[in-house]
Amino acid sequence: MADAGPAIEVKGLRKSFGNTVVLDGIDFSVAQGAVFSLLGPNGAGKTTVINILTTLLGADGGVATVNGFDVAKHGAEVRESISSTGQFAAVDHLLTGRENLVLIGKLRHVTNPARTAAALLEQFDLIEAANRRTLTYSGGMRRKLDIALGLVGDPAIIFLDEPTTGLDPESRNTTWDTIRSLADSGKSILLTTQYLEEADRLADRIAILSHGRIAAEGTPQALKSVLPHGQIELHFADVTQLAKAGQVLADRHPGRSEIALTLTVSTDGSVAQVNRLFSLLETARVEVATFAQKSPTLDDAFLQIINNHNGEA
């Protein structure tokens, strides 16, 4: 490694495609041995960040270092330091799990590809399936093998771009266990995901991208603390009542679910504020079917942060 600083450091990173600004001067750093999660709505620029940091795409401005190497000036050194796993498993379905690992070992010029393959098969609990074509693997097994392929050559830093997209819940949980074990072994991981539960469970720190900028950054607990202690979830009988309530409470930036017919409103937890909330709805002749108090989740914090940032944009 070039120095003993952060595993990844980004300062003023900018990228546009034509007239569309995707990254508008973002800053963040990933500590050695940490899991850092980058969240954001579709099109927020998460994959663009990954592509720049893995040297697949050039930035328009700013500086980014990976493992101490400037991605624009020392691309070869960066690529030797990393592995990258995308949304779809990049395994050869006509080869066995072992053959996939040996092939990558040879391409990366490891000293003993067969020994490396055997160690990774054991690490990822794929020994029994080692000599089967990966075409027969389940989605979770293919994802584990894909991550194992990325570890050939013992990279210091791992990029995981939405690694559990399309997986069933059981396979997702298996992949989470794999990622957590890698972090526990000291690997530095940059994770992008659309699953808020995934980030909450795995990440040491989280940054939320919105409109090309970092809208918020911190630990999962710190981000959840941006919400007041009290939240009221209001459930409505139909879309009409939901829409009317949304208009009445618009200045409170409630979380909204059209499917569940709910609005989630932050409060300070006091009886007086809750009474005022229901008084506003009653005055506007909005009928609330049921309501419940709830503790803030990362999903709630994410929606609140994005709504606030959209209001400032």
Protein backbone atom coordinates (compact mmCIF):
# COMPACT_ATOMS: atom_id res chain seq x y z
CA MET A 1 0.00 0.00 0.00
CA ALA A 2 1.21 3.49 -0.81
CA ASP A 3 0.45 4.89 2.68
CA ALA A 4 -1.35 4.07 5.91
CA GLY A 5 -4.32 6.37 5.29
CA PRO A 6 -7.93 5.43 4.55
CA ALA A 7 -8.64 2.42 2.35
CA ILE A 8 -10.61 4.73 0.03
CA GLU A 9 -10.68 8.52 -0.03
CA VAL A 10 -12.82 10.67 -2.32
CA LYS A 11 -12.60 14.46 -2.52
CA GLY A 12 -14.72 16.68 -4.79
CA LEU A 13 -15.54 13.85 -7.22
CA ARG A 14 -17.49 15.02 -10.26
CA LYS A 15 -18.98 13.22 -13.25
CA SER A 16 -21.47 14.23 -15.94
CA PHE A 17 -22.92 12.43 -18.93
CA GLY A 18 -23.75 15.08 -21.49
CA ASN A 19 -25.82 17.71 -19.70
CA THR A 20 -26.73 15.35 -16.85
CA VAL A 21 -24.71 15.86 -13.69
CA VAL A 22 -24.39 12.51 -11.92
CA LEU A 23 -21.79 13.37 -9.27
CA ASP A 24 -21.60 16.96 -8.11
CA GLY A 25 -18.50 17.14 -5.92
CA ILE A 26 -18.85 14.31 -3.41
CA ASP A 27 -16.52 13.58 -0.48
CA PHE A 28 -16.19 10.49 1.71
CA SER A 29 -13.58 8.11 3.07
CA VAL A 30 -13.57 4.42 3.99
CA ALA A 31 -11.48 3.38 6.97
CA GLN A 32 -9.20 0.35 6.86
CA GLY A 33 -11.11 -2.83 7.72
CA ALA A 34 -14.53 -1.13 7.62
CA VAL A 35 -17.74 -1.74 5.69
CA PHE A 36 -18.92 1.50 4.08
CA SER A 37 -22.32 1.51 2.40
CA LEU A 38 -23.37 3.91 -0.33
CA LEU A 39 -27.15 4.32 -0.52
CA GLY A 40 -29.37 6.30 -2.83
CA PRO A 41 -32.42 6.14 -5.12
CA ASN A 42 -32.10 4.57 -8.57
CA GLY A 43 -29.95 6.81 -10.75
CA ALA A 44 -28.32 8.54 -7.78
CA GLY A 45 -24.82 7.68 -9.04
CA LYS A 46 -23.84 4.72 -6.86
CA THR A 47 -22.59 2.54 -9.72
CA THR A 48 -20.83 5.54 -11.28
CA VAL A 49 -18.83 5.93 -8.07
CA ILE A 50 -17.89 2.25 -8.14
CA ASN A 51 -16.85 2.45 -11.80
CA ILE A 52 -14.60 5.45 -11.14
CA LEU A 53 -12.98 3.89 -8.08
CA THR A 54 -12.32 0.63 -9.94
CA THR A 55 -10.79 2.56 -12.92
CA LEU A 56 -13.56 1.54 -15.34
CA LEU A 57 -14.60 5.17 -15.78
CA GLY A 58 -12.76 8.47 -15.66
CA ALA A 59 -13.92 11.30 -13.41
CA ASP A 60 -14.45 14.85 -14.67
CA GLY A 61 -13.01 16.39 -11.54
CA GLY A 62 -11.88 15.75 -7.99
CA VAL A 63 -9.45 13.21 -6.57
CA ALA A 64 -9.99 9.60 -5.55
CA THR A 65 -7.48 7.24 -3.96
CA VAL A 66 -7.82 3.51 -3.41
CA ASN A 67 -5.35 1.71 -1.18
CA GLY A 68 -3.31 4.92 -1.28
CA PHE A 69 -3.13 5.06 -5.09
CA ASP A 70 -4.65 7.82 -7.21
CA VAL A 71 -7.20 6.09 -9.48
CA ALA A 72 -6.45 8.49 -12.36
CA LYS A 73 -2.66 8.14 -12.20
CA HIS A 74 -2.01 4.64 -10.87
CA GLY A 75 -4.75 2.48 -12.36
CA ALA A 76 -2.65 -0.70 -12.49
CA GLU A 77 -1.78 -0.47 -8.79
CA VAL A 78 -5.42 0.17 -7.93
CA ARG A 79 -6.57 -2.87 -9.91
CA GLU A 80 -4.01 -5.06 -8.15
CA SER A 81 -5.40 -3.95 -4.79
CA ILE A 82 -9.10 -4.59 -5.37
CA SER A 83 -11.83 -6.99 -6.33
CA SER A 84 -15.22 -5.96 -7.69
CA THR A 85 -18.48 -7.89 -7.69
CA GLY A 86 -21.46 -6.54 -9.64
CA GLN A 87 -25.18 -7.18 -9.51
CA PHE A 88 -24.94 -10.41 -11.51
CA ALA A 89 -22.65 -13.32 -10.74
CA ALA A 90 -19.78 -13.36 -13.25
CA VAL A 91 -19.09 -17.09 -13.21
CA ASP A 92 -18.64 -19.43 -16.17
CA HIS A 93 -21.64 -21.75 -15.98
CA LEU A 94 -19.94 -24.42 -18.10
CA LEU A 95 -17.09 -24.79 -15.60
CA THR A 96 -17.18 -26.28 -12.13
CA GLY A 97 -16.72 -24.10 -9.08
CA ARG A 98 -13.16 -25.35 -8.71
CA GLU A 99 -12.35 -24.76 -12.39
CA ASN A 100 -13.66 -21.19 -12.16
CA LEU A 101 -11.37 -20.46 -9.22
CA VAL A 102 -8.33 -22.12 -10.79
CA LEU A 103 -8.86 -20.20 -14.02
CA ILE A 104 -8.96 -16.84 -12.20
CA GLY A 105 -5.92 -17.90 -10.17
CA LYS A 106 -3.97 -18.47 -13.36
CA LEU A 107 -5.13 -15.17 -14.83
CA ARG A 108 -4.02 -13.35 -11.69
CA HIS A 109 -0.71 -15.22 -11.64
CA VAL A 110 -1.08 -16.63 -8.12
CA THR A 111 1.67 -19.04 -7.10
CA ASN A 112 -0.51 -22.12 -6.65
CA PRO A 113 -3.99 -21.74 -8.25
CA ALA A 114 -5.17 -25.20 -7.17
CA ARG A 115 -4.26 -24.61 -3.53
CA THR A 116 -5.87 -21.14 -3.61
CA ALA A 117 -9.04 -22.65 -5.11
CA ALA A 118 -9.20 -25.35 -2.44
CA ALA A 119 -8.80 -22.81 0.37
CA LEU A 120 -11.54 -20.56 -0.99
CA LEU A 121 -13.92 -23.46 -1.59
CA GLU A 122 -13.51 -24.42 2.05
CA GLN A 123 -13.82 -20.81 3.27
CA PHE A 124 -17.11 -20.34 1.42
CA ASP A 125 -18.51 -23.78 2.26
CA LEU A 126 -18.54 -24.93 -1.36
CA ILE A 127 -16.49 -28.13 -1.01
CA GLU A 128 -19.40 -30.46 -1.74
CA ALA A 129 -20.30 -28.53 -4.90
CA ALA A 130 -16.70 -27.91 -6.00
CA ASN A 131 -16.74 -30.35 -8.91
CA ARG A 132 -20.23 -29.57 -10.17
CA ARG A 133 -20.88 -27.21 -13.06
CA THR A 134 -21.98 -23.87 -11.68
CA LEU A 135 -25.03 -24.07 -13.94
CA THR A 136 -26.46 -26.36 -11.23
CA TYR A 137 -25.74 -23.93 -8.37
CA SER A 138 -28.46 -22.00 -6.56
CA GLY A 139 -28.44 -18.20 -6.72
CA GLY A 140 -26.88 -17.98 -3.28
CA MET A 141 -24.15 -20.47 -4.17
CA ARG A 142 -23.31 -18.60 -7.38
CA ARG A 143 -23.10 -15.35 -5.41
CA LYS A 144 -20.76 -16.95 -2.86
CA LEU A 145 -18.57 -18.28 -5.66
CA ASP A 146 -18.59 -14.88 -7.35
CA ILE A 147 -17.33 -13.23 -4.16
CA ALA A 148 -14.76 -16.02 -3.75
CA LEU A 149 -13.50 -15.36 -7.29
CA GLY A 150 -12.94 -11.76 -6.28
CA LEU A 151 -10.72 -12.86 -3.40
CA VAL A 152 -8.23 -14.71 -5.58
CA GLY A 153 -4.95 -12.88 -5.10
CA ASP A 154 -6.00 -11.61 -1.63
CA PRO A 155 -7.13 -8.07 -2.53
CA ALA A 156 -7.11 -5.48 0.24
CA ILE A 157 -10.34 -3.77 -0.81
CA ILE A 158 -13.61 -5.28 -2.03
CA PHE A 159 -16.28 -3.45 -4.04
CA LEU A 160 -19.75 -4.97 -3.88
CA ASP A 161 -22.26 -3.28 -6.20
CA GLU A 162 -25.75 -4.40 -5.13
CA PRO A 163 -24.53 -7.96 -4.47
CA THR A 164 -27.88 -9.39 -3.35
CA THR A 165 -30.10 -7.98 -6.11
CA GLY A 166 -32.50 -10.69 -7.31
CA LEU A 167 -31.66 -13.18 -4.56
CA ASP A 168 -34.31 -14.90 -2.48
CA PRO A 169 -34.35 -14.12 1.29
CA GLU A 170 -32.41 -17.25 2.25
CA SER A 171 -29.67 -16.59 -0.33
CA ARG A 172 -29.55 -12.94 0.73
CA ASN A 173 -28.98 -13.92 4.35
CA THR A 174 -26.23 -16.32 3.30
CA THR A 175 -24.53 -13.56 1.31
CA TRP A 176 -24.82 -11.18 4.28
CA ASP A 177 -23.06 -13.73 6.48
CA THR A 178 -20.31 -14.02 3.86
CA ILE A 179 -19.82 -10.25 3.66
CA ARG A 180 -19.76 -9.91 7.44
CA SER A 181 -17.13 -12.65 7.74
CA LEU A 182 -14.96 -10.85 5.18
CA ALA A 183 -15.22 -7.63 7.17
CA ASP A 184 -14.39 -9.47 10.38
CA SER A 185 -11.25 -10.82 8.68
CA GLY A 186 -10.05 -7.24 8.09
CA LYS A 187 -11.09 -6.59 4.50
CA SER A 188 -12.20 -3.05 3.58
CA ILE A 189 -15.54 -3.13 1.79
CA LEU A 190 -17.48 -0.55 -0.20
CA LEU A 191 -21.06 -1.76 -0.57
CA THR A 192 -23.82 -0.24 -2.68
CA THR A 193 -27.30 -1.52 -2.08
CA GLN A 194 -30.99 -0.72 -2.43
CA TYR A 195 -31.82 -2.80 0.64
CA LEU A 196 -31.80 -0.57 3.70
CA GLU A 197 -31.85 -3.59 6.03
CA GLU A 198 -28.67 -4.79 4.32
CA ALA A 199 -26.84 -1.55 5.04
CA ASP A 200 -28.17 -1.40 8.61
CA ARG A 201 -26.96 -4.93 9.29
CA LEU A 202 -23.55 -4.77 7.60
CA ALA A 203 -22.24 -1.20 7.44
CA ASP A 204 -20.02 0.59 9.93
CA ARG A 205 -20.78 3.87 8.16
CA ILE A 206 -23.30 4.91 5.52
CA ALA A 207 -23.43 7.75 3.00
CA ILE A 208 -26.67 8.66 1.24
CA LEU A 209 -26.41 9.99 -2.33
CA SER A 210 -29.09 12.30 -3.66
CA HIS A 211 -28.99 14.52 -6.76
CA GLY A 212 -25.26 13.92 -7.16
CA ARG A 213 -24.34 14.96 -3.63
CA ILE A 214 -23.89 13.33 -0.25
CA ALA A 215 -27.09 14.18 1.61
CA ALA A 216 -25.97 12.60 4.89
CA GLU A 217 -23.21 10.41 6.29
CA GLY A 218 -22.70 8.58 9.57
CA THR A 219 -23.19 5.32 11.42
CA PRO A 220 -26.57 3.62 10.97
CA GLN A 221 -27.52 4.64 14.50
CA ALA A 222 -26.47 8.25 13.94
CA LEU A 223 -28.53 8.47 10.74
CA LYS A 224 -31.57 7.05 12.51
CA SER A 225 -31.14 9.67 15.23
CA VAL A 226 -31.93 12.46 12.72
CA LEU A 227 -35.54 11.49 13.32
CA PRO A 228 -37.28 12.53 16.52
CA HIS A 229 -37.92 9.77 19.02
CA GLY A 230 -41.61 9.57 18.20
CA GLN A 231 -43.23 8.50 14.95
CA ILE A 232 -46.87 7.99 14.16
CA GLU A 233 -47.89 5.65 11.36
CA LEU A 234 -51.29 6.62 9.98
CA HIS A 235 -53.29 4.08 7.98
CA PHE A 236 -56.10 5.13 5.64
CA ALA A 237 -59.00 3.25 4.11
CA ASP A 238 -58.39 4.43 0.56
CA VAL A 239 -56.09 6.43 -1.72
CA THR A 240 -58.33 9.51 -1.56
CA GLN A 241 -57.94 9.86 2.20
CA LEU A 242 -54.22 9.14 1.91
CA ALA A 243 -53.82 11.91 -0.67
CA LYS A 244 -55.79 14.43 1.42
CA ALA A 245 -53.69 13.60 4.49
CA GLY A 246 -50.51 13.99 2.44
CA GLN A 247 -51.59 17.51 1.45
CA VAL A 248 -52.50 18.50 5.02
CA LEU A 249 -49.21 17.21 6.42
CA ALA A 250 -46.97 18.09 3.46
CA ASP A 251 -44.81 20.48 5.51
CA ARG A 252 -43.91 17.60 7.83
CA HIS A 253 -42.43 15.56 4.93
CA PRO A 254 -44.12 12.29 5.90
CA GLY A 255 -42.95 8.93 4.64
CA ARG A 256 -45.59 7.59 2.28
CA SER A 257 -46.61 4.13 1.07
CA GLU A 258 -49.25 3.93 -1.64
CA ILE A 259 -49.36 0.15 -1.32
CA ALA A 260 -49.87 0.09 2.45
CA LEU A 261 -51.98 3.29 2.40
CA THR A 262 -49.86 4.78 5.18
CA LEU A 263 -48.17 8.02 6.10
CA THR A 264 -45.40 8.02 8.70
CA VAL A 265 -45.01 11.32 10.52
CA SER A 266 -42.17 12.27 12.86
CA THR A 267 -43.09 13.86 16.18
CA ASP A 268 -41.26 14.85 19.35
CA GLY A 269 -43.12 12.10 21.18
CA SER A 270 -45.25 14.50 23.21
CA VAL A 271 -49.00 14.06 23.67
CA ALA A 272 -49.53 17.72 22.78
CA GLN A 273 -47.89 17.36 19.35
CA VAL A 274 -49.78 14.15 18.57
CA ASN A 275 -53.04 15.86 19.52
CA ARG A 276 -52.22 18.77 17.17
CA LEU A 277 -51.53 16.30 14.38
CA PHE A 278 -54.95 14.67 14.70
CA SER A 279 -56.61 18.06 15.11
CA LEU A 280 -55.22 19.15 11.73
CA LEU A 281 -56.56 16.02 10.07
CA GLU A 282 -59.96 16.33 11.74
CA THR A 283 -60.30 19.97 10.68
CA ALA A 284 -59.55 18.95 7.08
CA ARG A 285 -62.12 16.11 7.38
CA VAL A 286 -59.51 13.44 6.80
CA GLU A 287 -60.50 10.04 8.21
CA VAL A 288 -57.72 7.96 9.75
CA ALA A 289 -58.55 4.26 9.80
CA THR A 290 -55.92 3.22 12.35
CA PHE A 291 -52.66 4.53 13.74
CA ALA A 292 -49.66 3.22 15.65
CA GLN A 293 -46.53 4.57 17.28
CA LYS A 294 -43.25 3.15 15.96
CA SER A 295 -39.50 3.44 16.48
CA PRO A 296 -37.43 4.97 13.66
CA THR A 297 -35.79 2.56 11.19
CA LEU A 298 -33.05 3.20 8.65
CA ASP A 299 -35.77 3.17 5.97
CA ASP A 300 -37.51 6.01 7.78
CA ALA A 301 -34.27 7.96 8.14
CA PHE A 302 -33.44 7.42 4.47
CA LEU A 303 -36.81 8.73 3.32
CA GLN A 304 -36.61 11.72 5.65
CA ILE A 305 -33.09 12.61 4.51
CA ILE A 306 -33.98 12.24 0.81
CA ASN A 307 -37.16 14.30 1.24
CA ASN A 308 -35.28 17.04 3.08
CA HIS A 309 -32.51 17.06 0.50
CA ASN A 310 -34.99 17.19 -2.38
CA GLY A 311 -36.63 20.17 -0.72
CA GLU A 312 -33.27 21.98 -0.56
CA ALA A 313 -32.24 21.06 -4.14
